[in-house]
Amino acid sequence: MTLDFLEKFPKFNIFIYYYSLYLKYIRSVLKLFFFKKLQKILEIIKITEILIRRKIS
């Protein structure tokens, strides 16, 4: 895309801007969601490891 094109269609430019913001927002939300899920999974793994060690000893 050239600058001429964006100057001819300012509404399209605004659309692109908001769409990129929207994508950034979705990406950050997904990261947060998966990070929290990962933390929970890691906690569960730690707990099971501790339980297994207690059963062995």
Protein backbone atom coordinates (compact mmCIF):
# COMPACT_ATOMS: atom_id res chain seq x y z
CA MET A 1 0.00 0.00 0.00
CA THR A 2 1.28 3.44 -0.88
CA LEU A 3 0.84 6.67 0.98
CA ASP A 4 -1.11 8.10 -1.97
CA PHE A 5 -3.66 5.38 -1.59
CA LEU A 6 -4.06 6.06 2.12
CA GLU A 7 -4.38 9.79 1.51
CA LYS A 8 -7.10 9.21 -1.06
CA PHE A 9 -9.05 7.01 1.32
CA PRO A 10 -8.75 8.40 4.86
CA LYS A 11 -11.63 6.27 6.10
CA PHE A 12 -9.79 3.17 4.98
CA ASN A 13 -6.73 4.42 6.84
CA ILE A 14 -8.78 4.80 10.03
CA PHE A 15 -10.19 1.34 9.52
CA ILE A 16 -6.69 -0.13 9.26
CA TYR A 17 -5.61 1.75 12.37
CA TYR A 18 -8.51 0.48 14.47
CA TYR A 19 -8.17 -3.01 13.07
CA SER A 20 -4.51 -3.14 14.12
CA LEU A 21 -5.45 -1.91 17.59
CA TYR A 22 -8.13 -4.58 17.75
CA LEU A 23 -5.63 -7.27 16.81
CA LYS A 24 -3.18 -6.05 19.45
CA TYR A 25 -5.96 -6.12 22.03
CA ILE A 26 -6.98 -9.67 21.12
CA ARG A 27 -3.37 -10.82 21.20
CA SER A 28 -2.80 -9.38 24.68
CA VAL A 29 -6.04 -10.90 26.00
CA LEU A 30 -5.11 -14.29 24.60
CA LYS A 31 -1.65 -14.06 26.12
CA LEU A 32 -3.12 -13.27 29.51
CA PHE A 33 -5.65 -16.08 29.22
CA PHE A 34 -3.09 -18.68 28.20
CA PHE A 35 -0.60 -17.46 30.78
CA LYS A 36 -3.14 -17.92 33.57
CA LYS A 37 -4.05 -21.36 32.23
CA LEU A 38 -0.39 -22.29 32.05
CA GLN A 39 0.17 -21.14 35.61
CA LYS A 40 -2.69 -23.31 36.84
CA ILE A 41 -1.40 -26.31 34.92
CA LEU A 42 2.08 -25.77 36.36
CA GLU A 43 0.65 -25.55 39.87
CA ILE A 44 -1.24 -28.80 39.37
CA ILE A 45 1.93 -30.48 38.10
CA LYS A 46 3.87 -29.25 41.14
CA ILE A 47 1.18 -30.51 43.50
CA THR A 48 1.12 -33.94 41.86
CA GLU A 49 4.93 -34.13 42.04
CA ILE A 50 4.82 -33.36 45.76
CA LEU A 51 2.13 -36.00 46.31
CA ILE A 52 4.11 -38.61 44.36
CA ARG A 53 7.26 -37.86 46.39
CA ARG A 54 5.30 -38.25 49.64
CA LYS A 55 3.89 -41.60 48.52
CA ILE A 56 7.34 -42.86 47.52
CA SER A 57 9.04 -41.84 50.77
